């Protein structure tokens, strides 16, 4: 990540050991107003020594510190006189490096009562007992005399510790997740009381720098292409690029036939008439849907869609002289879920704007928002004057409704899921819930259910409604929608869409599920 964003004078370095929460830690630090960067655990010590961050946080991870070739850090990091906070695996690693003992235990998962046994500034403002979130199978059994125990649980004797003469802390629990009720207070204490950071991080203040970086990359005789979907990420990237390149930016909106109801008209109106982007409109729905016929595998769907987008871009580039660059609205969650997020990350889904575009595309890529989270992109968008109907719009996947249709995409299933999703959004808007949830949509597969309509037996589709709450898409929980709203949604869907006889509601959080079905 180094060099992609202008590093502030005070920033926090997060060392990644492959945890699903690494980027949530980063987001929490930024949320508190301090810039953060993530590096892999095997980063060269010399780089860390030269960079001299204000504080270092060691993430969790799936491994055990006593395994062969377990990820670790250069022990010299502990001698830099830089405050360090180890979380979960990071907690255990610190204990190991100072001579402590770590063993396999019966594990501790979910909400746990933490008992603070010694007062310390990192627990300033906390009660003697607090609810924290645990997710571990190993525990620190002992620490040397150079460290002191700060907290414990019924299962974990050393749930938090500190070195006596250094600002080096370890906590077994996860302060970055919402389930640790005072987690943000603990992180705030570490950043401001221990590390003496100052809250100066404002992503919107980086707009001039982001614009200048695009100018610096695209030579005066070169042009750039930006595919805009109407979502906040791609639109923000396009507006930044427009300010940097002026008429040398070509924006294109591709209708792949997998858009939501009325979306093409609404997006084009906003891009052209509100934001002043002279956007090329390409209706390629027939081509995309023809290519997707008979395809059931979700990853194959994503790859096909990515390739078709690339072919369109190539065709445009062949008709425009000196078009050398592709501007994309890639954000952190895209990078992470595509397995490009750092040490230990695995590919969850291929995003066409990260890993789904083929190598033969031939255009160099600029991703001005690659290291921003969704809420930060929205702050930048507001500062750029992008209207609320885009800023507050729910995230919509690049492959569109293709990932909300399980199995083969058919005209019937596409029509059903499009109308059902529109009903879901209409009803949550009426209930004043649209801006309170992260995403709300319908999912259809091949499963059928026997129903009764008009006193007659009728077999029809099972439709699943998915409504989640989230802050950045990295983790999510199902939204506790009032029963009467869910009832109205189900009633409308079964009444207005004759092929549906059963409506279900998905209540599995992320993790273990993902937000989108495939």
Protein backbone atom coordinates (compact mmCIF):
# COMPACT_ATOMS: atom_id res chain seq x y z
CA UNK A 1 0.00 0.00 0.00
CA UNK A 2 2.92 2.31 0.55
CA UNK A 3 3.09 5.16 -1.92
CA UNK A 4 -0.54 4.83 -3.08
CA UNK A 5 -1.84 7.41 -0.63
CA UNK A 6 -0.07 10.43 0.84
CA UNK A 7 1.12 9.31 4.24
CA UNK A 8 0.34 11.76 7.01
CA UNK A 9 2.94 12.69 9.59
CA UNK A 10 1.15 10.48 12.09
CA UNK A 11 -0.11 7.12 10.97
CA UNK A 12 -0.63 3.61 12.29
CA UNK A 13 0.94 0.57 10.68
CA UNK A 14 -1.16 -2.60 10.78
CA UNK A 15 0.76 -5.83 10.28
CA UNK A 16 -1.43 -8.45 8.63
CA UNK A 17 -1.38 -12.12 9.64
CA UNK A 18 -4.29 -13.13 7.42
CA UNK A 19 -7.23 -12.24 9.65
CA UNK A 20 -10.64 -11.60 8.16
CA UNK A 21 -10.73 -8.55 10.45
CA UNK A 22 -7.43 -6.94 9.45
CA UNK A 23 -9.11 -4.37 7.26
CA UNK A 24 -11.77 -3.77 9.86
CA UNK A 25 -8.99 -2.77 12.26
CA UNK A 26 -7.70 -0.37 9.62
CA UNK A 27 -11.15 1.07 9.10
CA UNK A 28 -11.69 1.55 12.84
CA UNK A 29 -8.39 3.42 13.16
CA UNK A 30 -9.33 5.71 10.28
CA UNK A 31 -12.80 6.15 11.75
CA UNK A 32 -11.09 7.56 14.83
CA UNK A 33 -9.32 10.08 12.61
CA UNK A 34 -5.91 8.44 12.30
CA UNK A 35 -4.51 7.31 8.95
CA UNK A 36 -3.60 3.61 8.74
CA UNK A 37 -1.69 1.40 6.33
CA UNK A 38 -1.61 -2.39 6.09
CA UNK A 39 1.53 -4.37 5.33
CA UNK A 40 2.20 -8.14 5.23
CA UNK A 41 3.84 -9.74 8.27
CA UNK A 42 7.02 -10.45 6.29
CA UNK A 43 7.66 -6.82 5.39
CA UNK A 44 11.32 -5.85 5.53
CA UNK A 45 12.26 -4.49 8.97
CA UNK A 46 14.29 -1.74 7.33
CA UNK A 47 11.15 -0.30 5.74
CA UNK A 48 9.31 -0.22 9.07
CA UNK A 49 12.33 1.35 10.76
CA UNK A 50 12.56 4.06 8.11
CA UNK A 51 8.83 4.78 8.04
CA UNK A 52 8.62 5.16 11.83
CA UNK A 53 4.86 4.87 12.31
CA UNK A 54 3.27 6.43 15.34
CA UNK A 55 1.95 3.03 16.44
CA UNK A 56 1.85 -0.59 15.27
CA UNK A 57 -1.07 -3.02 15.49
CA UNK A 58 -0.61 -6.76 14.96
CA UNK A 59 -3.74 -8.38 13.50
CA UNK A 60 -5.32 -11.71 14.25
CA UNK A 61 -4.87 -14.71 11.99
CA UNK A 62 -5.91 -18.33 11.40
CA UNK A 63 -2.62 -19.99 12.35
CA UNK A 64 -1.10 -21.06 15.68
CA UNK A 65 2.10 -19.37 16.81
CA UNK A 66 3.70 -22.73 17.73
CA UNK A 67 3.16 -24.27 14.26
CA UNK A 68 6.11 -24.83 11.95
CA UNK A 69 6.65 -21.78 9.74
CA UNK A 70 3.99 -19.82 11.60
CA UNK A 71 3.93 -16.17 10.49
CA UNK A 72 5.94 -13.85 12.68
CA UNK A 73 7.67 -10.47 12.73
CA UNK A 74 11.24 -9.38 13.10
CA UNK A 75 11.81 -9.23 16.90
CA UNK A 76 13.67 -5.95 16.42
CA UNK A 77 10.27 -4.31 15.96
CA UNK A 78 9.77 -4.64 19.72
CA UNK A 79 12.88 -2.50 20.29
CA UNK A 80 11.77 0.47 18.18
CA UNK A 81 10.16 2.27 21.13
CA UNK A 82 6.93 2.42 19.10
CA UNK A 83 3.66 1.55 20.90
CA UNK A 84 2.38 -1.86 19.80
CA UNK A 85 -1.01 -3.52 20.21
CA UNK A 86 -1.36 -7.23 19.41
CA UNK A 87 -4.87 -8.54 18.75
CA UNK A 88 -5.75 -12.27 18.99
CA UNK A 89 -2.93 -13.96 17.02
CA UNK A 90 -0.94 -10.75 17.48
CA UNK A 91 -1.48 -11.03 21.24
CA UNK A 92 -0.18 -14.61 21.24
CA UNK A 93 2.76 -13.74 19.01
CA UNK A 94 3.85 -10.93 21.31
CA UNK A 95 3.64 -13.31 24.27
CA UNK A 96 5.79 -15.85 22.42
CA UNK A 97 8.39 -13.25 21.42
CA UNK A 98 8.85 -12.09 25.04
CA UNK A 99 9.17 -15.66 26.32
CA UNK A 100 5.60 -16.56 27.24
CA UNK A 101 3.84 -19.90 26.80
CA UNK A 102 0.93 -20.52 24.42
CA UNK A 103 -1.16 -23.70 24.36
CA UNK A 104 -4.20 -25.12 22.61
CA UNK A 105 -7.34 -24.68 24.73
CA UNK A 106 -10.95 -25.68 24.33
CA UNK A 107 -11.51 -22.39 22.56
CA UNK A 108 -13.53 -19.30 23.25
CA UNK A 109 -15.95 -17.96 20.66
CA UNK A 110 -18.48 -15.15 20.66
CA UNK A 111 -19.45 -12.74 23.43
CA UNK A 112 -17.40 -13.21 26.58
CA UNK A 113 -17.15 -11.43 29.93
CA UNK A 114 -13.72 -9.78 30.33
CA UNK A 115 -12.59 -9.11 33.90
CA UNK A 116 -10.08 -6.29 34.22
CA UNK A 117 -7.71 -7.23 37.03
CA UNK A 118 -5.31 -4.30 36.84
CA UNK A 119 -6.04 -0.70 35.95
CA UNK A 120 -4.23 0.62 32.89
CA UNK A 121 -4.71 3.57 30.59
CA UNK A 122 -5.74 1.28 27.72
CA UNK A 123 -8.85 0.37 29.74
CA UNK A 124 -9.57 3.95 30.78
CA UNK A 125 -13.33 4.52 31.00
CA UNK A 126 -14.18 0.81 31.20
CA UNK A 127 -15.91 -1.05 34.02
CA UNK A 128 -14.28 -3.94 35.86
CA UNK A 129 -16.29 -6.32 33.68
CA UNK A 130 -16.98 -5.75 30.00
CA UNK A 131 -18.44 -7.75 27.10
CA UNK A 132 -15.84 -8.57 24.44
CA UNK A 133 -15.77 -10.74 21.31
CA UNK A 134 -13.52 -13.79 21.35
CA UNK A 135 -12.56 -16.10 18.49
CA UNK A 136 -9.61 -18.31 19.40
CA UNK A 137 -8.56 -21.86 20.20
CA UNK A 138 -5.10 -21.06 21.61
CA UNK A 139 -4.40 -19.09 24.76
CA UNK A 140 -1.50 -17.46 26.54
CA UNK A 141 -0.78 -19.59 29.62
CA UNK A 142 2.12 -17.62 31.09
CA UNK A 143 4.18 -14.47 30.53
CA UNK A 144 7.61 -13.55 31.95
CA UNK A 145 8.19 -11.16 34.84
CA UNK A 146 8.81 -8.37 32.33
CA UNK A 147 5.06 -8.27 31.64
CA UNK A 148 1.90 -7.97 33.72
CA UNK A 149 -1.58 -9.42 33.26
CA UNK A 150 -4.29 -6.81 32.76
CA UNK A 151 -7.43 -8.91 32.21
CA UNK A 152 -8.76 -12.46 32.15
CA UNK A 153 -11.89 -14.50 31.39
CA UNK A 154 -13.27 -17.74 32.80
CA UNK A 155 -11.34 -19.68 30.12
CA UNK A 156 -8.39 -17.44 29.30
CA UNK A 157 -6.12 -16.55 32.27
CA UNK A 158 -4.20 -13.88 30.33
CA UNK A 159 -6.74 -12.14 28.10
CA UNK A 160 -4.73 -8.92 28.09
CA UNK A 161 -1.18 -8.04 29.14
CA UNK A 162 1.38 -5.25 28.96
CA UNK A 163 5.14 -5.06 29.12
CA UNK A 164 6.16 -3.30 32.32
CA UNK A 165 8.56 -0.79 30.85
CA UNK A 166 7.23 -0.46 27.30
CA UNK A 167 3.98 0.54 25.61
CA UNK A 168 3.48 -2.95 24.19
CA UNK A 169 0.07 -4.54 24.74
CA UNK A 170 -1.65 -7.78 23.83
CA UNK A 171 -5.40 -8.45 23.91
CA UNK A 172 -6.88 -11.85 23.11
CA UNK A 173 -10.26 -10.41 22.13
CA UNK A 174 -11.22 -8.31 19.09
CA UNK A 175 -11.78 -4.62 19.99
CA UNK A 176 -12.42 -3.81 16.30
CA UNK A 177 -15.76 -5.67 16.08
CA UNK A 178 -19.03 -4.13 17.24
CA UNK A 179 -19.72 -7.04 19.58
CA UNK A 180 -16.92 -5.79 21.85
CA UNK A 181 -19.09 -3.09 23.35
CA UNK A 182 -16.27 -0.76 24.43
CA UNK A 183 -13.94 -1.77 21.61
CA UNK A 184 -13.72 1.68 20.06
CA UNK A 185 -12.91 3.14 23.48
CA UNK A 186 -10.04 0.65 23.86
CA UNK A 187 -8.68 1.52 20.40
CA UNK A 188 -9.12 5.21 21.14
CA UNK A 189 -7.19 4.82 24.41
CA UNK A 190 -4.38 3.05 22.57
CA UNK A 191 -4.18 5.64 19.81
CA UNK A 192 -4.57 8.81 21.83
CA UNK A 193 -3.58 7.97 25.42
CA UNK A 194 -0.78 5.51 24.72
CA UNK A 195 0.55 6.41 21.27
CA UNK A 196 -0.35 10.13 21.53
CA UNK A 197 -1.77 10.24 17.98
CA UNK A 198 -3.78 13.21 16.79
CA UNK A 199 -7.07 12.80 14.87
CA UNK A 200 -6.15 14.45 11.57
CA UNK A 201 -7.23 11.93 8.89
CA UNK A 202 -9.87 13.35 6.52
CA UNK A 203 -10.24 11.45 3.24
CA UNK A 204 -12.05 14.34 1.54
CA UNK A 205 -8.97 16.51 2.09
CA UNK A 206 -7.10 14.21 -0.30
CA UNK A 207 -9.16 15.19 -3.34
CA UNK A 208 -6.50 17.55 -4.79
CA UNK A 209 -3.85 14.83 -4.33
CA UNK A 210 -6.01 12.16 -5.98
CA UNK A 211 -6.67 14.43 -8.94
CA UNK A 212 -2.97 15.27 -9.27
CA UNK A 213 -2.01 11.57 -9.20
CA UNK A 214 -4.28 10.92 -12.20
CA UNK A 215 -2.77 13.91 -14.00
CA UNK A 216 0.73 12.63 -13.31
CA UNK A 217 0.01 9.17 -14.72
CA UNK A 218 -1.88 10.10 -17.87
CA UNK A 219 0.39 11.95 -20.26
CA UNK A 220 -0.91 15.12 -21.95
CA UNK A 221 -1.36 13.31 -25.29
CA UNK A 222 -3.13 10.30 -23.75
CA UNK A 223 -6.79 9.61 -22.98
CA UNK A 224 -8.53 7.47 -20.38
CA UNK A 225 -11.72 5.42 -20.31
CA UNK A 226 -13.95 5.15 -17.25
CA UNK A 227 -16.83 2.69 -17.11
CA UNK A 228 -19.53 4.11 -14.84
CA UNK A 229 -22.27 2.00 -13.29
CA UNK A 230 -24.07 4.77 -11.42
CA UNK A 231 -22.83 3.53 -8.05
CA UNK A 232 -20.90 5.80 -5.72
CA UNK A 233 -17.51 4.14 -6.36
CA UNK A 234 -17.37 4.34 -10.15
CA UNK A 235 -19.10 7.72 -10.23
CA UNK A 236 -16.63 9.20 -7.75
CA UNK A 237 -13.71 7.80 -9.74
CA UNK A 238 -15.19 9.32 -12.92
CA UNK A 239 -15.67 12.77 -11.38
CA UNK A 240 -12.10 12.74 -10.04
CA UNK A 241 -10.79 11.71 -13.46
CA UNK A 242 -12.92 14.34 -15.20
CA UNK A 243 -11.41 17.07 -13.04
CA UNK A 244 -7.95 15.73 -13.78
CA UNK A 245 -8.29 15.09 -17.51
CA UNK A 246 -11.19 17.17 -18.79
CA UNK A 247 -12.17 16.16 -22.32
CA UNK A 248 -9.46 13.50 -22.36
CA UNK A 249 -11.72 11.32 -20.22
CA UNK A 250 -14.25 9.11 -22.00
CA UNK A 251 -17.01 7.79 -19.75
CA UNK A 252 -19.14 4.85 -20.78
CA UNK A 253 -22.21 3.25 -19.23
CA UNK A 254 -22.75 -0.33 -20.33
CA UNK A 255 -26.16 -1.95 -19.96
CA UNK A 256 -25.39 -5.65 -19.62
CA UNK A 257 -29.04 -6.58 -19.25
CA UNK A 258 -28.58 -7.33 -15.57
CA UNK A 259 -29.50 -3.96 -14.13
CA UNK A 260 -32.25 -3.16 -11.68
CA UNK A 261 -35.65 -1.88 -12.69
CA UNK A 262 -35.44 1.59 -14.30
CA UNK A 263 -31.74 1.80 -13.53
CA UNK A 264 -30.42 2.61 -17.02
CA UNK A 265 -32.62 5.68 -17.39
CA UNK A 266 -31.93 6.97 -13.89
CA UNK A 267 -28.16 6.53 -14.14
CA UNK A 268 -27.86 8.17 -17.53
CA UNK A 269 -29.91 11.16 -16.42
CA UNK A 270 -27.71 11.71 -13.36
CA UNK A 271 -24.43 11.28 -15.22
CA UNK A 272 -25.33 13.50 -18.14
CA UNK A 273 -27.67 16.12 -16.73
CA UNK A 274 -26.54 16.43 -13.10
CA UNK A 275 -22.81 15.69 -13.19
CA UNK A 276 -22.12 16.92 -16.72
CA UNK A 277 -20.39 13.73 -17.84
CA UNK A 278 -20.76 13.22 -21.59
CA UNK A 279 -21.38 9.52 -21.15
CA UNK A 280 -21.48 7.00 -23.98
CA UNK A 281 -24.39 4.57 -23.56
CA UNK A 282 -23.97 1.02 -24.85
CA UNK A 283 -26.85 -1.45 -24.68
CA UNK A 284 -25.07 -4.80 -24.81
CA UNK A 285 -27.74 -6.75 -22.93
CA UNK A 286 -28.38 -9.23 -25.75
CA UNK A 287 -24.68 -10.08 -26.04
CA UNK A 288 -24.17 -10.58 -22.30
CA UNK A 289 -27.29 -12.67 -21.80
CA UNK A 290 -26.48 -14.83 -24.82
CA UNK A 291 -22.98 -15.53 -23.43
CA UNK A 292 -24.46 -16.46 -20.04
CA UNK A 293 -26.95 -18.98 -21.40
CA UNK A 294 -26.56 -22.36 -19.77
CA UNK A 295 -23.89 -21.14 -17.31
CA UNK A 296 -24.55 -22.13 -13.69
CA UNK A 297 -21.21 -21.68 -11.93
CA UNK A 298 -21.09 -18.23 -10.25
CA UNK A 299 -17.36 -17.73 -10.82
CA UNK A 300 -17.79 -18.58 -14.50
CA UNK A 301 -20.58 -16.02 -14.72
CA UNK A 302 -18.33 -13.35 -13.25
CA UNK A 303 -15.48 -14.19 -15.60
CA UNK A 304 -17.73 -14.13 -18.66
CA UNK A 305 -19.11 -10.74 -17.65
CA UNK A 306 -15.59 -9.43 -17.03
CA UNK A 307 -14.44 -10.59 -20.46
CA UNK A 308 -17.43 -9.04 -22.20
CA UNK A 309 -16.78 -5.72 -20.48
CA UNK A 310 -13.17 -5.96 -21.61
CA UNK A 311 -14.21 -6.59 -25.23
CA UNK A 312 -16.36 -3.48 -25.15
CA UNK A 313 -13.49 -1.45 -23.74
CA UNK A 314 -11.15 -2.78 -26.43
CA UNK A 315 -13.66 -1.89 -29.13
CA UNK A 316 -13.94 1.65 -27.79
CA UNK A 317 -10.16 1.97 -27.52
CA UNK A 318 -9.74 0.87 -31.14
CA UNK A 319 -11.87 3.78 -32.28
CA UNK A 320 -10.27 6.47 -30.11
CA UNK A 321 -6.67 7.46 -30.68
CA UNK A 322 -4.23 7.40 -27.75
CA UNK A 323 -6.69 5.80 -25.34
CA UNK A 324 -4.21 4.14 -22.97
CA UNK A 325 -5.82 4.06 -19.53
CA UNK A 326 -8.80 2.51 -17.74
CA UNK A 327 -10.11 4.33 -14.65
CA UNK A 328 -11.88 2.06 -12.15
CA UNK A 329 -13.77 2.61 -8.91
CA UNK A 330 -12.11 -0.30 -7.11
CA UNK A 331 -12.35 -0.06 -3.30
CA UNK A 332 -10.77 -1.97 -0.44
CA UNK A 333 -13.50 -4.64 -0.09
CA UNK A 334 -13.19 -5.41 -3.84
CA UNK A 335 -9.45 -5.93 -3.46
CA UNK A 336 -9.78 -8.05 -0.34
CA UNK A 337 -12.53 -10.38 -1.59
CA UNK A 338 -10.61 -10.94 -4.82
CA UNK A 339 -7.62 -12.22 -2.87
CA UNK A 340 -5.48 -9.14 -3.49
CA UNK A 341 -5.69 -7.68 -0.03
CA UNK A 342 -2.41 -8.66 1.52
CA UNK A 343 -0.82 -11.49 3.42
CA UNK A 344 -2.91 -14.56 3.85
CA UNK A 345 -6.00 -13.29 2.05
CA UNK A 346 -7.91 -15.72 -0.15
CA UNK A 347 -10.16 -15.18 -3.12
CA UNK A 348 -13.79 -15.16 -2.03
CA UNK A 349 -15.27 -13.79 -5.25
CA UNK A 350 -13.83 -12.53 -8.50
CA UNK A 351 -14.69 -8.88 -9.01
CA UNK A 352 -14.64 -7.88 -12.66
CA UNK A 353 -12.95 -4.62 -11.71
CA UNK A 354 -10.13 -6.38 -9.80
CA UNK A 355 -9.43 -9.92 -10.89
CA UNK A 356 -12.06 -10.57 -13.54
CA UNK A 357 -10.66 -8.50 -16.39
CA UNK A 358 -8.53 -10.56 -18.78
CA UNK A 359 -4.82 -9.90 -19.22
CA UNK A 360 -5.28 -9.20 -22.92
CA UNK A 361 -7.22 -6.01 -22.14
CA UNK A 362 -4.12 -3.97 -22.91
CA UNK A 363 -5.15 -0.82 -21.01
CA UNK A 364 -3.18 0.39 -18.03
CA UNK A 365 -5.37 0.70 -14.93
CA UNK A 366 -5.77 3.59 -12.49
CA UNK A 367 -7.73 2.93 -9.30
CA UNK A 368 -7.88 6.21 -7.34
CA UNK A 369 -10.13 4.73 -4.64
CA UNK A 370 -8.39 1.36 -4.24
CA UNK A 371 -7.44 1.94 -0.61
CA UNK A 372 -10.58 3.68 0.62
CA UNK A 373 -13.52 2.12 2.38
CA UNK A 374 -17.10 2.75 1.29
CA UNK A 375 -17.85 5.33 3.95
CA UNK A 376 -14.67 7.22 2.99
CA UNK A 377 -15.64 7.15 -0.69
CA UNK A 378 -19.00 8.61 0.27
CA UNK A 379 -17.30 11.45 2.12
CA UNK A 380 -15.18 12.17 -0.95
CA UNK A 381 -18.27 11.98 -3.17
CA UNK A 382 -20.17 14.51 -1.07
CA UNK A 383 -17.22 16.89 -1.19
CA UNK A 384 -17.18 16.54 -5.00
CA UNK A 385 -20.86 17.52 -5.16
CA UNK A 386 -22.19 14.13 -6.21
CA UNK A 387 -25.94 14.00 -5.43
CA UNK A 388 -27.42 11.93 -2.63
CA UNK A 389 -29.27 9.55 -4.96
CA UNK A 390 -25.82 8.19 -5.86
CA UNK A 391 -23.99 8.76 -2.57
CA UNK A 392 -26.61 6.94 -0.52
CA UNK A 393 -27.40 4.31 -3.14
CA UNK A 394 -27.03 0.72 -1.97
CA UNK A 395 -23.99 -1.12 -3.32
CA UNK A 396 -24.77 -3.08 -6.46
CA UNK A 397 -22.38 -5.75 -7.78
CA UNK A 398 -20.67 -5.22 -11.14
CA UNK A 399 -22.15 -8.48 -12.52
CA UNK A 400 -25.54 -7.12 -11.47
CA UNK A 401 -28.46 -9.48 -11.05
CA UNK A 402 -26.33 -12.35 -12.37
CA UNK A 403 -25.06 -12.93 -8.82
CA UNK A 404 -28.59 -12.84 -7.42
CA UNK A 405 -29.73 -15.65 -9.68
CA UNK A 406 -28.54 -19.02 -8.42
CA UNK A 407 -28.02 -21.45 -11.26
CA UNK A 408 -28.70 -20.65 -14.91
CA UNK A 409 -29.86 -17.15 -15.83
CA UNK A 410 -33.16 -17.33 -17.68
CA UNK A 411 -35.45 -14.57 -18.91
CA UNK A 412 -38.08 -15.70 -16.41
CA UNK A 413 -35.78 -15.71 -13.39
CA UNK A 414 -34.27 -12.38 -14.42
CA UNK A 415 -37.70 -10.78 -14.74
CA UNK A 416 -38.81 -12.18 -11.38
CA UNK A 417 -35.73 -11.13 -9.39
CA UNK A 418 -35.73 -7.65 -10.98
CA UNK A 419 -39.37 -6.99 -10.06
CA UNK A 420 -39.01 -8.55 -6.60
CA UNK A 421 -35.94 -6.46 -5.82
CA UNK A 422 -37.82 -3.34 -6.84
CA UNK A 423 -40.63 -4.28 -4.46
CA UNK A 424 -38.13 -4.80 -1.62
CA UNK A 425 -36.56 -1.38 -2.16
CA UNK A 426 -39.95 0.34 -2.52
CA UNK A 427 -41.21 -1.08 0.76
CA UNK A 428 -38.12 -0.32 2.83
CA UNK A 429 -38.12 3.23 1.44
CA UNK A 430 -41.76 3.63 2.47
CA UNK A 431 -40.83 2.36 5.93
CA UNK A 432 -37.94 4.87 6.19
CA UNK A 433 -35.39 2.07 6.39
CA UNK A 434 -33.47 2.47 3.13
CA UNK A 435 -30.64 4.59 4.54
CA UNK A 436 -30.40 2.48 7.69
CA UNK A 437 -29.47 -0.73 5.89
CA UNK A 438 -26.49 -1.60 3.69
CA UNK A 439 -28.26 -3.64 1.01
CA UNK A 440 -31.73 -5.00 0.36
CA UNK A 441 -32.61 -7.29 -2.52
CA UNK A 442 -34.19 -10.53 -3.70
CA UNK A 443 -32.50 -13.79 -4.69
CA UNK A 444 -33.91 -16.53 -6.88
CA UNK A 445 -32.72 -20.08 -7.57
CA UNK A 446 -34.20 -23.20 -9.09
CA UNK A 447 -35.98 -24.50 -6.00
CA UNK A 448 -39.76 -24.72 -6.17
CA UNK A 449 -42.54 -24.86 -3.55
CA UNK A 450 -46.13 -26.00 -3.78
CA UNK A 451 -48.57 -23.17 -3.24
CA UNK A 452 -52.27 -22.45 -3.38
CA UNK A 453 -53.51 -19.58 -5.50
CA UNK A 454 -57.19 -19.11 -6.31
CA UNK A 455 -58.03 -22.33 -4.45
CA UNK A 456 -55.84 -24.25 -6.86
CA UNK A 457 -52.57 -26.08 -6.41
CA UNK A 458 -49.71 -24.22 -8.03
CA UNK A 459 -46.00 -24.93 -8.02
CA UNK A 460 -43.81 -21.83 -8.00
CA UNK A 461 -40.43 -20.38 -7.13
CA UNK A 462 -38.99 -19.83 -3.68
CA UNK A 463 -37.71 -16.25 -3.41
CA UNK A 464 -35.24 -15.22 -0.69
CA UNK A 465 -35.06 -11.68 0.65
CA UNK A 466 -31.66 -10.48 1.86
CA UNK A 467 -31.45 -7.25 3.91
CA UNK A 468 -28.24 -6.57 5.83
CA UNK A 469 -26.69 -3.92 8.02
CA UNK A 470 -23.00 -3.14 7.58
CA UNK A 471 -20.49 -0.33 7.76
CA UNK A 472 -18.12 -1.28 4.95
CA UNK A 473 -19.25 -4.60 3.52
CA UNK A 474 -16.43 -6.52 5.21
CA UNK A 475 -18.76 -7.86 7.89
CA UNK A 476 -22.55 -7.70 7.93
CA UNK A 477 -25.51 -8.73 10.03
CA UNK A 478 -29.07 -9.43 8.96
CA UNK A 479 -31.38 -6.48 9.49
CA UNK A 480 -34.10 -6.88 12.10
CA UNK A 481 -36.82 -5.51 9.82
CA UNK A 482 -40.25 -5.03 11.46
CA UNK A 483 -42.53 -7.99 10.80
CA UNK A 484 -45.18 -5.82 9.20
CA UNK A 485 -42.65 -4.58 6.60
CA UNK A 486 -41.56 -8.12 5.80
CA UNK A 487 -45.21 -9.12 5.57
CA UNK A 488 -45.95 -6.34 3.06
CA UNK A 489 -42.91 -7.37 0.99
CA UNK A 490 -43.94 -11.03 0.94
CA UNK A 491 -47.57 -10.24 0.20
CA UNK A 492 -46.72 -7.94 -2.69
CA UNK A 493 -44.24 -10.38 -4.21
CA UNK A 494 -46.61 -13.35 -4.15
CA UNK A 495 -49.50 -11.19 -5.38
CA UNK A 496 -47.67 -9.29 -8.13
CA UNK A 497 -45.35 -12.06 -9.35
CA UNK A 498 -47.47 -15.06 -10.25
CA UNK A 499 -44.50 -17.46 -10.50
CA UNK A 500 -43.56 -17.02 -6.81
CA UNK A 501 -45.41 -18.93 -4.07
CA UNK A 502 -42.91 -18.76 -1.19
CA UNK A 503 -40.86 -15.87 0.24
CA UNK A 504 -38.09 -16.51 2.79
CA UNK A 505 -35.83 -14.14 4.74
CA UNK A 506 -32.06 -14.75 5.02
CA UNK A 507 -30.77 -14.28 8.57
CA UNK A 508 -27.18 -15.53 8.33
CA UNK A 509 -24.52 -12.85 9.00
CA UNK A 510 -21.23 -12.30 7.16
CA UNK A 511 -19.19 -14.28 8.11
CA UNK A 512 -19.94 -17.16 7.76
CA UNK A 513 -22.10 -16.19 4.79
CA UNK A 514 -21.35 -13.56 2.18
CA UNK A 515 -23.76 -10.71 1.50
CA UNK A 516 -24.45 -11.65 -2.11
CA UNK A 517 -25.44 -15.29 -2.74
CA UNK A 518 -22.84 -16.03 -5.40
